[in-house]
Structures are given as structure tokens and as C-alpha cells.
Amino acid sequence: MNHAYEYTVREDILLSLEYHDLEDKQAMALLKSPHPLKQTFTRWENKETSYMENIWDTVQEQAKTAETRQRSKAQKER
């Protein structure tokens, strides 16, 4: 559990490579790096992002959807 966040972000970094292409020179430079995933994670860790804001927005959206469904279900049961 101590490294769950790091593991998750590293998985997301790898996943991003499935959806995007680097230029050949960039990819080769990364592959020649001693620890490209670790170095990318370290760079990510030092950035300010809106990740938690996106999580909260998603929680709120899901809560609104759940509320709407439950209200609709209650009306049908009447």
C-alpha cells in the first residue's frame, strides 16, 4: 500500500503511451535513459495538476446521477 499512488501513476504514464506517439528521436532518447519511467514519475510528482479537482468533479457528477436515478425510482414506486 505504501507505493500504490506511485504504481498507479506509473501505470497511467504507460497507458498514455498507448494513446499518444512520441517523435522517433524522443522515443529513442527515453529508451536510452537509465530509468525513463522513474524519471517521468519524478517529474510528474513535482508538477501542480488539477487531478484531484477532476476526481472531485467526477464524484459530484456520479452523486447527481445517483440522486436522479433514486428520485426517479421513488416516483415510479408511488
PDB file of N, CA and C in Angstrom:
ATOM      1  N   MET A   1       0.822  -1.199   0.000  1.00  0.00           N
ATOM      2  CA  MET A   1       0.000   0.000   0.000  1.00  0.00           C
ATOM      3  C   MET A   1       0.869   1.266   0.000  1.00  0.00           C
ATOM      4  N   ASN A   2       2.078   1.184   0.499  1.00  0.00           N
ATOM      5  CA  ASN A   2       2.929   2.368   0.577  1.00  0.00           C
ATOM      6  C   ASN A   2       3.219   2.973  -0.791  1.00  0.00           C
ATOM      7  N   HIS A   3       3.234   2.167  -1.822  1.00  0.00           N
ATOM      8  CA  HIS A   3       3.602   2.653  -3.147  1.00  0.00           C
ATOM      9  C   HIS A   3       2.435   2.621  -4.136  1.00  0.00           C
ATOM     10  N   ALA A   4       1.211   2.542  -3.633  1.00  0.00           N
ATOM     11  CA  ALA A   4       0.042   2.430  -4.510  1.00  0.00           C
ATOM     12  C   ALA A   4      -0.096   3.646  -5.432  1.00  0.00           C
ATOM     13  N   TYR A   5       0.104   4.837  -4.904  1.00  0.00           N
ATOM     14  CA  TYR A   5      -0.004   6.053  -5.727  1.00  0.00           C
ATOM     15  C   TYR A   5       1.047   6.033  -6.828  1.00  0.00           C
ATOM     16  N   GLU A   6       2.277   5.755  -6.454  1.00  0.00           N
ATOM     17  CA  GLU A   6       3.364   5.723  -7.438  1.00  0.00           C
ATOM     18  C   GLU A   6       3.092   4.671  -8.510  1.00  0.00           C
ATOM     19  N   TYR A   7       2.641   3.504  -8.093  1.00  0.00           N
ATOM     20  CA  TYR A   7       2.333   2.432  -9.043  1.00  0.00           C
ATOM     21  C   TYR A   7       1.231   2.871 -10.013  1.00  0.00           C
ATOM     22  N   THR A   8       0.197   3.479  -9.483  1.00  0.00           N
ATOM     23  CA  THR A   8      -0.936   3.919 -10.299  1.00  0.00           C
ATOM     24  C   THR A   8      -0.512   4.973 -11.314  1.00  0.00           C
ATOM     25  N   VAL A   9       0.255   5.943 -10.877  1.00  0.00           N
ATOM     26  CA  VAL A   9       0.700   6.996 -11.797  1.00  0.00           C
ATOM     27  C   VAL A   9       1.620   6.413 -12.855  1.00  0.00           C
ATOM     28  N   ARG A  10       2.498   5.502 -12.468  1.00  0.00           N
ATOM     29  CA  ARG A  10       3.378   4.862 -13.456  1.00  0.00           C
ATOM     30  C   ARG A  10       2.557   4.090 -14.490  1.00  0.00           C
ATOM     31  N   GLU A  11       1.509   3.428 -14.057  1.00  0.00           N
ATOM     32  CA  GLU A  11       0.624   2.731 -14.988  1.00  0.00           C
ATOM     33  C   GLU A  11      -0.048   3.729 -15.928  1.00  0.00           C
ATOM     34  N   ASP A  12      -0.457   4.875 -15.394  1.00  0.00           N
ATOM     35  CA  ASP A  12      -1.079   5.914 -16.217  1.00  0.00           C
ATOM     36  C   ASP A  12      -0.082   6.479 -17.235  1.00  0.00           C
ATOM     37  N   ILE A  13       1.173   6.606 -16.840  1.00  0.00           N
ATOM     38  CA  ILE A  13       2.207   7.073 -17.769  1.00  0.00           C
ATOM     39  C   ILE A  13       2.326   6.094 -18.931  1.00  0.00           C
ATOM     40  N   LEU A  14       2.387   4.817 -18.614  1.00  0.00           N
ATOM     41  CA  LEU A  14       2.477   3.797 -19.664  1.00  0.00           C
ATOM     42  C   LEU A  14       1.225   3.796 -20.538  1.00  0.00           C
ATOM     43  N   LEU A  15       0.071   3.954 -19.921  1.00  0.00           N
ATOM     44  CA  LEU A  15      -1.177   3.992 -20.671  1.00  0.00           C
ATOM     45  C   LEU A  15      -1.202   5.178 -21.636  1.00  0.00           C
ATOM     46  N   SER A  16      -0.648   6.299 -21.205  1.00  0.00           N
ATOM     47  CA  SER A  16      -0.629   7.473 -22.075  1.00  0.00           C
ATOM     48  C   SER A  16       0.177   7.202 -23.342  1.00  0.00           C
ATOM     49  N   LEU A  17       1.175   6.336 -23.241  1.00  0.00           N
ATOM     50  CA  LEU A  17       1.980   5.994 -24.421  1.00  0.00           C
ATOM     51  C   LEU A  17       1.203   5.130 -25.408  1.00  0.00           C
ATOM     52  N   GLU A  18       0.157   4.463 -24.928  1.00  0.00           N
ATOM     53  CA  GLU A  18      -0.686   3.682 -25.830  1.00  0.00           C
ATOM     54  C   GLU A  18      -1.566   4.590 -26.697  1.00  0.00           C
ATOM     55  N   TYR A  19      -1.863   5.773 -26.191  1.00  0.00           N
ATOM     56  CA  TYR A  19      -2.780   6.684 -26.888  1.00  0.00           C
ATOM     57  C   TYR A  19      -2.080   7.820 -27.623  1.00  0.00           C
ATOM     58  N   HIS A  20      -0.786   7.983 -27.379  1.00  0.00           N
ATOM     59  CA  HIS A  20      -0.038   9.069 -27.996  1.00  0.00           C
ATOM     60  C   HIS A  20       1.288   8.536 -28.521  1.00  0.00           C
ATOM     61  N   ASP A  21       1.794   9.189 -29.540  1.00  0.00           N
ATOM     62  CA  ASP A  21       3.086   8.802 -30.110  1.00  0.00           C
ATOM     63  C   ASP A  21       4.114   9.899 -29.870  1.00  0.00           C
ATOM     64  N   LEU A  22       5.300   9.486 -29.465  1.00  0.00           N
ATOM     65  CA  LEU A  22       6.425  10.410 -29.396  1.00  0.00           C
ATOM     66  C   LEU A  22       7.109  10.433 -30.751  1.00  0.00           C
ATOM     67  N   GLU A  23       7.832  11.495 -31.012  1.00  0.00           N
ATOM     68  CA  GLU A  23       8.669  11.504 -32.202  1.00  0.00           C
ATOM     69  C   GLU A  23       9.737  10.432 -32.015  1.00  0.00           C
ATOM     70  N   ASP A  24      10.222   9.860 -33.107  1.00  0.00           N
ATOM     71  CA  ASP A  24      11.205   8.779 -33.031  1.00  0.00           C
ATOM     72  C   ASP A  24      12.419   9.155 -32.186  1.00  0.00           C
ATOM     73  N   LYS A  25      12.933  10.367 -32.391  1.00  0.00           N
ATOM     74  CA  LYS A  25      14.113  10.813 -31.640  1.00  0.00           C
ATOM     75  C   LYS A  25      13.822  10.893 -30.144  1.00  0.00           C
ATOM     76  N   GLN A  26      12.614  11.335 -29.810  1.00  0.00           N
ATOM     77  CA  GLN A  26      12.226  11.431 -28.402  1.00  0.00           C
ATOM     78  C   GLN A  26      12.115  10.040 -27.789  1.00  0.00           C
ATOM     79  N   ALA A  27      11.480   9.130 -28.514  1.00  0.00           N
ATOM     80  CA  ALA A  27      11.323   7.756 -28.009  1.00  0.00           C
ATOM     81  C   ALA A  27      12.685   7.106 -27.805  1.00  0.00           C
ATOM     82  N   MET A  28      13.584   7.285 -28.741  1.00  0.00           N
ATOM     83  CA  MET A  28      14.918   6.698 -28.627  1.00  0.00           C
ATOM     84  C   MET A  28      15.679   7.287 -27.439  1.00  0.00           C
ATOM     85  N   ALA A  29      15.534   8.590 -27.234  1.00  0.00           N
ATOM     86  CA  ALA A  29      16.200   9.236 -26.098  1.00  0.00           C
ATOM     87  C   ALA A  29      15.679   8.669 -24.779  1.00  0.00           C
ATOM     88  N   LEU A  30      14.369   8.483 -24.691  1.00  0.00           N
ATOM     89  CA  LEU A  30      13.799   7.890 -23.473  1.00  0.00           C
ATOM     90  C   LEU A  30      14.299   6.472 -23.269  1.00  0.00           C
ATOM     91  N   LEU A  31      14.325   5.698 -24.334  1.00  0.00           N
ATOM     92  CA  LEU A  31      14.766   4.305 -24.232  1.00  0.00           C
ATOM     93  C   LEU A  31      16.235   4.193 -23.829  1.00  0.00           C
ATOM     94  N   LYS A  32      17.036   5.189 -24.167  1.00  0.00           N
ATOM     95  CA  LYS A  32      18.445   5.180 -23.776  1.00  0.00           C
ATOM     96  C   LYS A  32      18.648   5.679 -22.352  1.00  0.00           C
ATOM     97  N   SER A  33      17.630   6.279 -21.787  1.00  0.00           N
ATOM     98  CA  SER A  33      17.690   6.769 -20.409  1.00  0.00           C
ATOM     99  C   SER A  33      17.817   5.590 -19.449  1.00  0.00           C
ATOM    100  N   PRO A  34      18.547   5.763 -18.360  1.00  0.00           N
ATOM    101  CA  PRO A  34      18.712   4.637 -17.431  1.00  0.00           C
ATOM    102  C   PRO A  34      17.403   4.212 -16.746  1.00  0.00           C
ATOM    103  N   HIS A  35      16.536   5.161 -16.425  1.00  0.00           N
ATOM    104  CA  HIS A  35      15.277   4.863 -15.721  1.00  0.00           C
ATOM    105  C   HIS A  35      14.166   5.786 -16.214  1.00  0.00           C
ATOM    106  N   PRO A  36      13.704   5.589 -17.446  1.00  0.00           N
ATOM    107  CA  PRO A  36      12.742   6.551 -18.017  1.00  0.00           C
ATOM    108  C   PRO A  36      11.429   6.642 -17.251  1.00  0.00           C
ATOM    109  N   LEU A  37      10.914   5.538 -16.778  1.00  0.00           N
ATOM    110  CA  LEU A  37       9.641   5.573 -16.058  1.00  0.00           C
ATOM    111  C   LEU A  37       9.802   6.266 -14.714  1.00  0.00           C
ATOM    112  N   LYS A  38      10.860   5.949 -14.003  1.00  0.00           N
ATOM    113  CA  LYS A  38      11.133   6.588 -12.708  1.00  0.00           C
ATOM    114  C   LYS A  38      11.344   8.084 -12.890  1.00  0.00           C
ATOM    115  N   GLN A  39      12.105   8.466 -13.911  1.00  0.00           N
ATOM    116  CA  GLN A  39      12.372   9.876 -14.156  1.00  0.00           C
ATOM    117  C   GLN A  39      11.101  10.624 -14.549  1.00  0.00           C
ATOM    118  N   THR A  40      10.262   9.998 -15.344  1.00  0.00           N
ATOM    119  CA  THR A  40       8.994  10.619 -15.731  1.00  0.00           C
ATOM    120  C   THR A  40       8.086  10.776 -14.521  1.00  0.00           C
ATOM    121  N   PHE A  41       8.024   9.738 -13.672  1.00  0.00           N
ATOM    122  CA  PHE A  41       7.210   9.823 -12.460  1.00  0.00           C
ATOM    123  C   PHE A  41       7.693  10.951 -11.555  1.00  0.00           C
ATOM    124  N   THR A  42       9.005  11.059 -11.383  1.00  0.00           N
ATOM    125  CA  THR A  42       9.564  12.113 -10.529  1.00  0.00           C
ATOM    126  C   THR A  42       9.198  13.489 -11.057  1.00  0.00           C
ATOM    127  N   ARG A  43       9.286  13.660 -12.369  1.00  0.00           N
ATOM    128  CA  ARG A  43       8.896  14.935 -12.978  1.00  0.00           C
ATOM    129  C   ARG A  43       7.412  15.198 -12.727  1.00  0.00           C
ATOM    130  N   TRP A  44       6.577  14.168 -12.895  1.00  0.00           N
ATOM    131  CA  TRP A  44       5.120  14.293 -12.675  1.00  0.00           C
ATOM    132  C   TRP A  44       4.827  14.673 -11.232  1.00  0.00           C
ATOM    133  N   GLU A  45       5.512  14.022 -10.321  1.00  0.00           N
ATOM    134  CA  GLU A  45       5.266  14.232  -8.897  1.00  0.00           C
ATOM    135  C   GLU A  45       5.520  15.681  -8.489  1.00  0.00           C
ATOM    136  N   ASN A  46       6.404  16.362  -9.185  1.00  0.00           N
ATOM    137  CA  ASN A  46       6.752  17.737  -8.853  1.00  0.00           C
ATOM    138  C   ASN A  46       5.884  18.773  -9.571  1.00  0.00           C
ATOM    139  N   LYS A  47       4.922  18.318 -10.362  1.00  0.00           N
ATOM    140  CA  LYS A  47       4.043  19.243 -11.082  1.00  0.00           C
ATOM    141  C   LYS A  47       2.781  19.517 -10.282  1.00  0.00           C
ATOM    142  N   GLU A  48       2.250  20.700 -10.500  1.00  0.00           N
ATOM    143  CA  GLU A  48       0.943  21.046  -9.950  1.00  0.00           C
ATOM    144  C   GLU A  48      -0.085  20.658 -11.003  1.00  0.00           C
ATOM    145  N   THR A  49      -1.046  19.823 -10.642  1.00  0.00           N
ATOM    146  CA  THR A  49      -2.064  19.408 -11.605  1.00  0.00           C
ATOM    147  C   THR A  49      -3.451  19.576 -11.005  1.00  0.00           C
ATOM    148  N   SER A  50      -4.433  19.424 -11.848  1.00  0.00           N
ATOM    149  CA  SER A  50      -5.823  19.523 -11.387  1.00  0.00           C
ATOM    150  C   SER A  50      -6.424  18.126 -11.195  1.00  0.00           C
ATOM    151  N   TYR A  51      -5.572  17.140 -10.991  1.00  0.00           N
ATOM    152  CA  TYR A  51      -6.017  15.751 -10.855  1.00  0.00           C
ATOM    153  C   TYR A  51      -7.095  15.599  -9.791  1.00  0.00           C
ATOM    154  N   MET A  52      -6.864  16.139  -8.606  1.00  0.00           N
ATOM    155  CA  MET A  52      -7.840  15.988  -7.531  1.00  0.00           C
ATOM    156  C   MET A  52      -9.127  16.757  -7.843  1.00  0.00           C
ATOM    157  N   GLU A  53      -9.017  17.863  -8.542  1.00  0.00           N
ATOM    158  CA  GLU A  53     -10.220  18.584  -8.952  1.00  0.00           C
ATOM    159  C   GLU A  53     -11.040  17.733  -9.912  1.00  0.00           C
ATOM    160  N   ASN A  54     -10.373  17.047 -10.825  1.00  0.00           N
ATOM    161  CA  ASN A  54     -11.071  16.155 -11.752  1.00  0.00           C
ATOM    162  C   ASN A  54     -11.730  14.998 -11.018  1.00  0.00           C
ATOM    163  N   ILE A  55     -11.048  14.465 -10.022  1.00  0.00           N
ATOM    164  CA  ILE A  55     -11.638  13.384  -9.205  1.00  0.00           C
ATOM    165  C   ILE A  55     -12.902  13.902  -8.521  1.00  0.00           C
ATOM    166  N   TRP A  56     -12.816  15.081  -7.882  1.00  0.00           N
ATOM    167  CA  TRP A  56     -13.962  15.632  -7.161  1.00  0.00           C
ATOM    168  C   TRP A  56     -15.118  15.915  -8.110  1.00  0.00           C
ATOM    169  N   ASP A  57     -14.835  16.465  -9.279  1.00  0.00           N
ATOM    170  CA  ASP A  57     -15.884  16.711 -10.270  1.00  0.00           C
ATOM    171  C   ASP A  57     -16.591  15.414 -10.637  1.00  0.00           C
ATOM    172  N   THR A  58     -15.837  14.353 -10.799  1.00  0.00           N
ATOM    173  CA  THR A  58     -16.411  13.057 -11.156  1.00  0.00           C
ATOM    174  C   THR A  58     -17.265  12.507 -10.022  1.00  0.00           C
ATOM    175  N   VAL A  59     -16.803  12.673  -8.785  1.00  0.00           N
ATOM    176  CA  VAL A  59     -17.599  12.237  -7.631  1.00  0.00           C
ATOM    177  C   VAL A  59     -18.922  12.993  -7.596  1.00  0.00           C
ATOM    178  N   GLN A  60     -18.875  14.293  -7.803  1.00  0.00           N
ATOM    179  CA  GLN A  60     -20.101  15.092  -7.788  1.00  0.00           C
ATOM    180  C   GLN A  60     -21.052  14.687  -8.926  1.00  0.00           C
ATOM    181  N   GLU A  61     -20.510  14.449 -10.115  1.00  0.00           N
ATOM    182  CA  GLU A  61     -21.339  14.020 -11.243  1.00  0.00           C
ATOM    183  C   GLU A  61     -22.027  12.700 -10.928  1.00  0.00           C
ATOM    184  N   GLN A  62     -21.289  11.755 -10.349  1.00  0.00           N
ATOM    185  CA  GLN A  62     -21.861  10.460 -10.028  1.00  0.00           C
ATOM    186  C   GLN A  62     -22.924  10.579  -8.946  1.00  0.00           C
ATOM    187  N   ALA A  63     -22.673  11.451  -7.972  1.00  0.00           N
ATOM    188  CA  ALA A  63     -23.665  11.661  -6.909  1.00  0.00           C
ATOM    189  C   ALA A  63     -24.954  12.236  -7.477  1.00  0.00           C
ATOM    190  N   LYS A  64     -24.842  13.179  -8.403  1.00  0.00           N
ATOM    191  CA  LYS A  64     -26.039  13.762  -9.026  1.00  0.00           C
ATOM    192  C   LYS A  64     -26.794  12.707  -9.836  1.00  0.00           C
ATOM    193  N   THR A  65     -26.059  11.871 -10.557  1.00  0.00           N
ATOM    194  CA  THR A  65     -26.692  10.805 -11.336  1.00  0.00           C
ATOM    195  C   THR A  65     -27.410   9.829 -10.416  1.00  0.00           C
ATOM    196  N   ALA A  66     -26.768   9.445  -9.331  1.00  0.00           N
ATOM    197  CA  ALA A  66     -27.375   8.516  -8.375  1.00  0.00           C
ATOM    198  C   ALA A  66     -28.628   9.128  -7.755  1.00  0.00           C
ATOM    199  N   GLU A  67     -28.555  10.401  -7.411  1.00  0.00           N
ATOM    200  CA  GLU A  67     -29.709  11.093  -6.832  1.00  0.00           C
ATOM    201  C   GLU A  67     -30.880  11.123  -7.812  1.00  0.00           C
ATOM    202  N   THR A  68     -30.602  11.426  -9.069  1.00  0.00           N
ATOM    203  CA  THR A  68     -31.645  11.472 -10.095  1.00  0.00           C
ATOM    204  C   THR A  68     -32.280  10.101 -10.275  1.00  0.00           C
ATOM    205  N   ARG A  69     -31.456   9.058 -10.347  1.00  0.00           N
ATOM    206  CA  ARG A  69     -31.986   7.696 -10.505  1.00  0.00           C
ATOM    207  C   ARG A  69     -32.856   7.294  -9.322  1.00  0.00           C
ATOM    208  N   GLN A  70     -32.407   7.612  -8.116  1.00  0.00           N
ATOM    209  CA  GLN A  70     -33.174   7.240  -6.928  1.00  0.00           C
ATOM    210  C   GLN A  70     -34.483   8.012  -6.862  1.00  0.00           C
ATOM    211  N   ARG A  71     -34.460   9.271  -7.243  1.00  0.00           N
ATOM    212  CA  ARG A  71     -35.681  10.077  -7.255  1.00  0.00           C
ATOM    213  C   ARG A  71     -36.656   9.504  -8.281  1.00  0.00           C
ATOM    214  N   SER A  72     -36.154   9.136  -9.447  1.00  0.00           N
ATOM    215  CA  SER A  72     -36.983   8.566 -10.498  1.00  0.00           C
ATOM    216  C   SER A  72     -37.583   7.239 -10.049  1.00  0.00           C
ATOM    217  N   LYS A  73     -36.786   6.411  -9.402  1.00  0.00           N
ATOM    218  CA  LYS A  73     -37.256   5.114  -8.902  1.00  0.00           C
ATOM    219  C   LYS A  73     -38.338   5.300  -7.850  1.00  0.00           C
ATOM    220  N   ALA A  74     -38.158   6.261  -6.955  1.00  0.00           N
ATOM    221  CA  ALA A  74     -39.144   6.537  -5.896  1.00  0.00           C
ATOM    222  C   ALA A  74     -40.467   7.005  -6.505  1.00  0.00           C
ATOM    223  N   GLN A  75     -40.387   7.825  -7.558  1.00  0.00           N
ATOM    224  CA  GLN A  75     -41.614   8.293  -8.202  1.00  0.00           C
ATOM    225  C   GLN A  75     -42.349   7.170  -8.885  1.00  0.00           C
ATOM    226  N   LYS A  76     -41.634   6.234  -9.473  1.00  0.00           N
ATOM    227  CA  LYS A  76     -42.256   5.085 -10.144  1.00  0.00           C
ATOM    228  C   LYS A  76     -42.931   4.162  -9.147  1.00  0.00           C
ATOM    229  N   GLU A  77     -42.390   4.070  -7.930  1.00  0.00           N
ATOM    230  CA  GLU A  77     -42.941   3.182  -6.908  1.00  0.00           C
ATOM    231  C   GLU A  77     -44.205   3.747  -6.289  1.00  0.00           C
ATOM    232  N   ARG A  78     -44.495   4.989  -6.489  1.00  0.00           N
ATOM    233  CA  ARG A  78     -45.700   5.624  -5.895  1.00  0.00           C
ATOM    234  C   ARG A  78     -46.900   5.242  -6.630  1.00  0.00           C
TER     235      ARG A  78
END
